[in-house]
C-alpha atoms as a PDB file:
ATOM      1  CA  SER A   1      -0.035   0.006   0.002  1.00  0.00           C
ATOM      2  CA  ALA A   2       2.905   2.333   0.704  1.00  0.00           C
ATOM      3  CA  ALA A   3       4.339   1.678  -2.769  1.00  0.00           C
ATOM      4  CA  LEU A   4       1.021   2.447  -4.383  1.00  0.00           C
ATOM      5  CA  ILE A   5       0.714   5.725  -2.446  1.00  0.00           C
ATOM      6  CA  SER A   6       4.259   6.825  -3.482  1.00  0.00           C
ATOM      7  CA  VAL A   7       3.503   6.114  -7.103  1.00  0.00           C
ATOM      8  CA  GLU A   8       0.346   8.185  -6.861  1.00  0.00           C
ATOM      9  CA  VAL A   9       2.321  10.994  -5.266  1.00  0.00           C
ATOM     10  CA  VAL A  10       5.024  10.952  -7.935  1.00  0.00           C
ATOM     11  CA  GLY A  11       2.516  10.303 -10.684  1.00  0.00           C
ATOM     12  CA  THR A  12       0.200  13.140  -9.849  1.00  0.00           C
ATOM     13  CA  GLY A  13       2.923  15.687  -9.383  1.00  0.00           C
ATOM     14  CA  THR A  14       1.853  16.787  -5.950  1.00  0.00           C
ATOM     15  CA  GLY A  15       5.414  17.795  -5.051  1.00  0.00           C
ATOM     16  CA  ALA A  16       6.170  21.350  -4.157  1.00  0.00           C
ATOM     17  CA  GLY A  17       5.953  23.565  -7.331  1.00  0.00           C
ATOM     18  CA  THR A  18       5.742  20.737  -9.857  1.00  0.00           C
ATOM     19  CA  ASP A  19       3.538  20.799 -12.862  1.00  0.00           C
ATOM     20  CA  PRO A  20       1.582  17.392 -13.272  1.00  0.00           C
ATOM     21  CA  GLU A  21       2.025  17.427 -17.013  1.00  0.00           C
ATOM     22  CA  LEU A  22       5.816  17.628 -16.670  1.00  0.00           C
ATOM     23  CA  GLN A  23       6.153  14.322 -14.843  1.00  0.00           C
ATOM     24  CA  PHE A  24       5.992  11.909 -17.731  1.00  0.00           C
ATOM     25  CA  GLY A  25       6.638  11.714 -21.505  1.00  0.00           C
ATOM     26  CA  LEU A  26       8.307  14.119 -23.871  1.00  0.00           C
ATOM     27  CA  LYS A  27       6.822  17.214 -22.282  1.00  0.00           C
ATOM     28  CA  HIS A  28       9.190  16.536 -19.368  1.00  0.00           C
ATOM     29  CA  ILE A  29      12.128  17.051 -21.690  1.00  0.00           C
ATOM     30  CA  MET A  30      10.858  19.919 -23.790  1.00  0.00           C
ATOM     31  CA  LYS A  31       7.744  21.616 -22.655  1.00  0.00           C
ATOM     32  CA  ASP A  32       5.535  22.613 -25.640  1.00  0.00           C
ATOM     33  CA  LYS A  33       8.152  21.231 -28.040  1.00  0.00           C
ATOM     34  CA  GLU A  34       6.964  17.652 -28.466  1.00  0.00           C
ATOM     35  CA  TRP A  35       6.619  18.235 -32.239  1.00  0.00           C
ATOM     36  CA  LEU A  36      10.452  18.519 -32.445  1.00  0.00           C
ATOM     37  CA  TRP A  37      10.761  14.731 -31.696  1.00  0.00           C
ATOM     38  CA  PHE A  38       9.142  13.674 -34.943  1.00  0.00           C
ATOM     39  CA  PRO A  39      12.147  14.593 -37.153  1.00  0.00           C
ATOM     40  CA  VAL A  40      14.475  12.935 -34.676  1.00  0.00           C
ATOM     41  CA  LEU A  41      12.482   9.678 -34.637  1.00  0.00           C
ATOM     42  CA  ALA A  42      11.908   9.735 -38.397  1.00  0.00           C
ATOM     43  CA  SER A  43      15.584  10.254 -39.132  1.00  0.00           C
ATOM     44  CA  GLY A  44      16.473   7.377 -36.815  1.00  0.00           C
ATOM     45  CA  PHE A  45      14.002   5.127 -38.523  1.00  0.00           C
ATOM     46  CA  GLY A  46      15.429   6.202 -41.861  1.00  0.00           C
ATOM     47  CA  ALA A  47      18.934   5.356 -40.755  1.00  0.00           C
ATOM     48  CA  LEU A  48      17.797   1.875 -39.640  1.00  0.00           C
ATOM     49  CA  LEU A  49      16.183   1.370 -43.068  1.00  0.00           C
ATOM     50  CA  TRP A  50      19.300   2.495 -44.872  1.00  0.00           C
ATOM     51  CA  TYR A  51      21.432   0.160 -42.836  1.00  0.00           C
ATOM     52  CA  ARG A  52      19.182  -2.719 -43.569  1.00  0.00           C
ATOM     53  CA  PHE A  53      18.743  -2.043 -47.270  1.00  0.00           C
ATOM     54  CA  LYS A  54      22.075  -0.226 -48.145  1.00  0.00           C
ATOM     55  CA  PRO A  55      23.667  -1.310 -51.374  1.00  0.00           C
ATOM     56  CA  PRO A  56      26.694  -3.608 -51.051  1.00  0.00           C
ATOM     57  CA  ASP A  57      30.191  -2.375 -51.681  1.00  0.00           C
ATOM     58  CA  MET A  58      30.633  -3.361 -55.288  1.00  0.00           C
ATOM     59  CA  GLY A  59      34.305  -2.427 -55.395  1.00  0.00           C
ATOM     60  CA  ASN A  60      35.508  -2.090 -59.060  1.00  0.00           C
ATOM     61  CA  VAL A  61      32.333  -3.625 -60.608  1.00  0.00           C
ATOM     62  CA  ILE A  62      30.922  -1.595 -63.437  1.00  0.00           C
ATOM     63  CA  ASP A  63      27.205  -1.563 -63.665  1.00  0.00           C
ATOM     64  CA  VAL A  64      26.482  -1.765 -67.353  1.00  0.00           C
ATOM     65  CA  GLN A  65      23.837   0.743 -68.526  1.00  0.00           C
ATOM     66  CA  THR A  66      23.572   0.121 -72.275  1.00  0.00           C
ATOM     67  CA  GLU A  67      24.190  -2.737 -74.735  1.00  0.00           C
ATOM     68  CA  ARG A  68      26.718  -0.540 -76.567  1.00  0.00           C
ATOM     69  CA  GLU A  69      28.773  -0.165 -73.399  1.00  0.00           C
ATOM     70  CA  LEU A  70      28.746  -3.902 -72.890  1.00  0.00           C
ATOM     71  CA  VAL A  71      29.981  -4.509 -76.461  1.00  0.00           C
ATOM     72  CA  GLU A  72      32.740  -1.948 -76.009  1.00  0.00           C
ATOM     73  CA  TYR A  73      34.004  -3.740 -72.874  1.00  0.00           C
ATOM     74  CA  LEU A  74      33.912  -7.139 -74.600  1.00  0.00           C
ATOM     75  CA  THR A  75      35.681  -6.011 -77.769  1.00  0.00           C
ATOM     76  CA  ASN A  76      38.145  -3.499 -76.381  1.00  0.00           C
ATOM     77  CA  GLY A  77      39.206  -5.527 -73.303  1.00  0.00           C
ATOM     78  CA  GLU A  78      42.866  -5.267 -74.375  1.00  0.00           C
ATOM     79  CA  GLY A  79      43.464  -8.967 -73.633  1.00  0.00           C
ATOM     80  CA  LYS A  80      41.900  -8.754 -70.104  1.00  0.00           C
ATOM     81  CA  VAL A  81      39.400 -11.196 -68.958  1.00  0.00           C
ATOM     82  CA  VAL A  82      35.951  -9.673 -68.899  1.00  0.00           C
ATOM     83  CA  ILE A  83      33.745 -11.182 -66.133  1.00  0.00           C
ATOM     84  CA  ILE A  84      29.998 -10.488 -66.416  1.00  0.00           C
ATOM     85  CA  ASP A  85      27.628 -11.073 -63.524  1.00  0.00           C
ATOM     86  CA  PHE A  86      24.194 -11.573 -64.954  1.00  0.00           C
ATOM     87  CA  THR A  87      22.072 -10.658 -61.959  1.00  0.00           C
ATOM     88  CA  SER A  88      18.470  -9.907 -61.045  1.00  0.00           C
ATOM     89  CA  LYS A  89      16.946  -7.611 -58.425  1.00  0.00           C
ATOM     90  CA  ASN A  90      14.519 -10.402 -57.457  1.00  0.00           C
ATOM     91  CA  CYS A  91      17.170 -13.040 -56.815  1.00  0.00           C
ATOM     92  CA  PRO A  92      18.138 -13.713 -53.179  1.00  0.00           C
ATOM     93  CA  TYR A  93      21.345 -15.593 -54.275  1.00  0.00           C
ATOM     94  CA  CYS A  94      22.297 -12.617 -56.331  1.00  0.00           C
ATOM     95  CA  ASP A  95      22.047 -10.436 -53.274  1.00  0.00           C
ATOM     96  CA  MET A  96      24.216 -12.878 -51.304  1.00  0.00           C
ATOM     97  CA  ILE A  97      26.947 -13.135 -53.842  1.00  0.00           C
ATOM     98  CA  ASN A  98      27.179  -9.394 -54.895  1.00  0.00           C
ATOM     99  CA  PRO A  99      29.300  -8.256 -51.931  1.00  0.00           C
ATOM    100  CA  VAL A 100      31.696 -11.185 -52.540  1.00  0.00           C
ATOM    101  CA  TYR A 101      31.944 -10.276 -56.290  1.00  0.00           C
ATOM    102  CA  GLY A 102      32.701  -6.739 -55.286  1.00  0.00           C
ATOM    103  CA  GLN A 103      35.433  -7.797 -52.873  1.00  0.00           C
ATOM    104  CA  VAL A 104      37.045 -10.041 -55.502  1.00  0.00           C
ATOM    105  CA  SER A 105      37.063  -7.106 -57.979  1.00  0.00           C
ATOM    106  CA  LYS A 106      39.142  -5.069 -55.494  1.00  0.00           C
ATOM    107  CA  LYS A 107      41.925  -7.590 -55.103  1.00  0.00           C
ATOM    108  CA  PRO A 108      45.134  -6.437 -56.664  1.00  0.00           C
ATOM    109  CA  LYS A 109      45.813  -9.698 -58.629  1.00  0.00           C
ATOM    110  CA  TYR A 110      42.453  -9.434 -60.388  1.00  0.00           C
ATOM    111  CA  LYS A 111      42.187  -5.590 -60.546  1.00  0.00           C
ATOM    112  CA  ASP A 112      44.830  -5.268 -63.254  1.00  0.00           C
ATOM    113  CA  ASN A 113      43.985  -8.446 -65.245  1.00  0.00           C
ATOM    114  CA  ALA A 114      40.189  -8.392 -65.402  1.00  0.00           C
ATOM    115  CA  ILE A 115      37.214  -6.138 -65.944  1.00  0.00           C
ATOM    116  CA  PHE A 116      34.252  -6.857 -63.658  1.00  0.00           C
ATOM    117  CA  LEU A 117      30.773  -6.034 -65.081  1.00  0.00           C
ATOM    118  CA  SER A 118      27.306  -6.379 -63.656  1.00  0.00           C
ATOM    119  CA  CYS A 119      24.389  -6.823 -66.149  1.00  0.00           C
ATOM    120  CA  ASN A 120      20.695  -6.717 -64.938  1.00  0.00           C
ATOM    121  CA  VAL A 121      18.883  -9.465 -66.835  1.00  0.00           C
ATOM    122  CA  GLU A 122      15.502  -7.601 -66.589  1.00  0.00           C
ATOM    123  CA  LYS A 123      17.105  -4.690 -68.510  1.00  0.00           C
ATOM    124  CA  PHE A 124      19.007  -6.746 -71.110  1.00  0.00           C
ATOM    125  CA  GLN A 125      16.826  -9.544 -72.195  1.00  0.00           C
ATOM    126  CA  THR A 126      18.438  -9.965 -75.570  1.00  0.00           C
ATOM    127  CA  VAL A 127      22.044  -9.972 -74.121  1.00  0.00           C
ATOM    128  CA  MET A 128      20.809 -12.591 -71.628  1.00  0.00           C
ATOM    129  CA  MET A 129      19.492 -14.905 -74.402  1.00  0.00           C
ATOM    130  CA  GLU A 130      22.613 -14.415 -76.581  1.00  0.00           C
ATOM    131  CA  ALA A 131      24.833 -15.338 -73.554  1.00  0.00           C
ATOM    132  CA  GLY A 132      22.741 -18.367 -72.937  1.00  0.00           C
ATOM    133  CA  VAL A 133      21.810 -17.308 -69.303  1.00  0.00           C
ATOM    134  CA  GLN A 134      19.095 -19.520 -67.948  1.00  0.00           C
ATOM    135  CA  ALA A 135      19.482 -18.849 -64.234  1.00  0.00           C
ATOM    136  CA  THR A 136      20.690 -16.097 -61.903  1.00  0.00           C
ATOM    137  CA  PRO A 137      23.280 -15.523 -60.787  1.00  0.00           C
ATOM    138  CA  THR A 138      25.345 -16.504 -63.844  1.00  0.00           C
ATOM    139  CA  PHE A 139      29.020 -15.482 -64.235  1.00  0.00           C
ATOM    140  CA  VAL A 140      30.524 -15.597 -67.654  1.00  0.00           C
ATOM    141  CA  ALA A 141      34.207 -15.010 -68.279  1.00  0.00           C
ATOM    142  CA  TYR A 142      35.268 -13.685 -71.758  1.00  0.00           C
ATOM    143  CA  ARG A 143      38.627 -12.912 -73.359  1.00  0.00           C
ATOM    144  CA  ASN A 144      38.592 -11.244 -76.771  1.00  0.00           C
ATOM    145  CA  ALA A 145      34.775 -11.712 -76.919  1.00  0.00           C
ATOM    146  CA  LYS A 146      35.127 -15.512 -76.570  1.00  0.00           C
ATOM    147  CA  VAL A 147      33.636 -17.469 -73.599  1.00  0.00           C
ATOM    148  CA  LEU A 148      36.298 -18.898 -71.235  1.00  0.00           C
ATOM    149  CA  GLN A 149      34.127 -20.206 -68.451  1.00  0.00           C
ATOM    150  CA  ARG A 150      30.547 -20.059 -67.203  1.00  0.00           C
ATOM    151  CA  ILE A 151      29.249 -20.551 -63.645  1.00  0.00           C
ATOM    152  CA  SER A 152      25.442 -20.665 -63.380  1.00  0.00           C
ATOM    153  CA  GLY A 153      22.738 -20.868 -60.771  1.00  0.00           C
ATOM    154  CA  PRO A 154      22.653 -20.717 -56.953  1.00  0.00           C
ATOM    155  CA  PRO A 155      25.464 -22.154 -54.811  1.00  0.00           C
ATOM    156  CA  LYS A 156      25.231 -25.940 -54.440  1.00  0.00           C
ATOM    157  CA  ASP A 157      24.934 -25.750 -50.640  1.00  0.00           C
ATOM    158  CA  LYS A 158      21.690 -23.600 -50.762  1.00  0.00           C
END
């Protein structure tokens, strides 16, 4: 009973010179300024969303925007290996492998000897068909516009 009375005394603000509205909530911190908390809370929520959905570090991977750009990289590779990641926005395995692909592209032994490209299959349907891509992710390595190796589909352990 004594605990309940003390809660009532603190909760009602019956102390000397205290305002009952200032005992709890945001008004205790900033009287008549509770509207200022909305931008703070909204920016914190936005930061959480950004952290959850931030794009992966793609390193030296070039996101191909046009078919002409893709053809230029394949034909003007100067003897370098051109590795194309055929990816999709709706592919969970693509989302898992993209950060690894970006890390590999930053390694010094590959950085000088290879060109790393990323090609969205939704955007480049004809390129996908010409390359024989049937599943995502698919990695195709080219040298002088000739296919060297192809790795297709999700990882075997998944």
